[in-house]
Protein backbone atom coordinates (compact mmCIF):
# COMPACT_ATOMS: atom_id res chain seq x y z
CA ALA A 1 -18.66 11.66 12.81
CA ASN A 2 -18.31 7.92 13.45
CA ASN A 3 -16.12 8.07 16.58
CA HIS A 4 -19.04 7.21 18.90
CA ARG A 5 -20.12 4.20 16.85
CA LYS A 6 -19.09 0.60 17.46
CA LEU A 7 -17.58 -1.70 14.84
CA SER A 8 -20.74 -3.82 14.97
CA ASP A 9 -22.69 -0.77 13.74
CA PHE A 10 -20.82 -1.21 10.45
CA GLY A 11 -21.37 -4.98 10.26
CA ILE A 12 -17.84 -5.78 11.45
CA ARG A 13 -17.94 -8.85 13.68
CA ASN A 14 -15.62 -11.51 15.12
CA GLY A 15 -13.47 -12.97 12.36
CA ALA A 16 -13.79 -9.96 10.02
CA ARG A 17 -10.71 -8.92 8.04
CA LEU A 18 -10.09 -5.27 7.24
CA GLN A 19 -7.54 -3.69 4.95
CA ALA A 20 -6.28 -0.14 5.45
CA ASP A 21 -4.18 1.53 2.77
CA ASP A 22 -1.89 4.52 3.15
CA PHE A 23 -1.22 5.51 -0.44
CA LEU A 24 1.16 8.33 0.47
CA GLN A 25 3.53 5.93 2.22
CA ASP A 26 2.75 2.94 -0.02
CA TYR A 27 1.77 0.92 3.06
CA THR A 28 -1.03 -1.59 3.57
CA LEU A 29 -2.21 -2.86 6.95
CA LEU A 30 -4.30 -6.03 7.31
CA ILE A 31 -6.45 -6.14 10.44
CA ASN A 32 -8.03 -9.34 11.81
CA VAL A 33 -10.86 -8.61 14.26
CA LEU A 34 -11.07 -11.26 16.98
CA HIS A 35 -13.42 -11.17 19.96
CA SER A 36 -11.96 -12.11 23.35
CA GLU A 37 -13.46 -12.36 26.84
CA ASP A 38 -10.00 -12.87 28.40
CA LEU A 39 -8.91 -9.22 28.62
CA GLU A 40 -7.64 -7.67 31.83
CA LYS A 41 -9.96 -5.61 34.00
CA ASP A 42 -10.88 -2.22 32.45
CA VAL A 43 -9.23 -3.15 29.13
CA GLU A 44 -11.65 -2.75 26.23
CA PHE A 45 -9.40 -3.95 23.40
CA GLU A 46 -5.90 -5.12 22.63
CA VAL A 47 -3.79 -4.49 19.56
CA VAL A 48 -1.49 -7.38 18.63
CA GLY A 49 0.67 -7.43 15.54
CA ASP A 50 3.51 -9.02 13.71
CA THR A 51 6.68 -7.03 13.15
CA PRO A 52 7.26 -6.33 9.46
CA GLU A 53 10.20 -8.21 7.97
CA ARG A 54 11.80 -4.93 7.00
CA ILE A 55 11.05 -1.47 8.20
CA GLY A 56 11.17 1.58 5.97
CA PRO A 57 9.88 2.58 2.59
CA LYS A 58 9.93 0.21 -0.32
CA PRO A 59 12.87 0.78 -2.64
CA SER A 60 11.85 3.14 -5.40
CA GLU A 61 11.60 1.80 -8.89
CA PRO A 62 14.30 2.97 -11.28
CA THR A 63 13.27 5.95 -13.34
CA SER A 64 12.36 4.98 -16.85
CA ARG A 65 14.18 6.49 -19.79
CA ASN A 66 12.83 7.05 -23.24
CA ILE A 67 14.65 4.59 -25.45
CA SER A 68 13.84 4.37 -29.15
CA ASN A 69 13.70 0.92 -30.74
CA GLY A 70 15.26 -0.67 -27.69
CA SER A 71 18.55 1.11 -28.26
CA ASP A 72 20.34 2.90 -25.46
CA ASP A 73 23.12 4.40 -27.59
CA GLY A 74 21.86 7.96 -27.22
CA ALA A 75 20.91 8.27 -30.89
CA GLN A 76 18.03 10.64 -31.60
CA PRO A 77 15.37 10.19 -34.28
CA SER A 78 15.98 11.96 -37.57
CA THR A 79 14.55 15.45 -37.94
CA SER A 80 15.40 15.69 -41.63
CA THR A 81 12.67 17.11 -43.88
CA GLY A 82 14.39 16.19 -47.17
CA LYS A 83 13.06 13.48 -49.52
CA GLN A 84 14.66 10.07 -49.37
CA GLN A 85 15.77 8.39 -52.64
């Protein structure tokens, strides 16, 4: 519904900074809006960007394991129902 509107209709002007998030790909894009009168004939805008340092998804975090009392020896909690003396 907003395709016909200009950025200025939303209060976005020269020097504005926008952040776009893609939660499915865990990716964030920072956009700096800069006005320029030096564009070639019939060019309305130009997209300029920096190449990311590394391309591809972020490494996944290791899966967490349930560890009781900080021990990783595989011991399970007691299921005894008897009385302790």
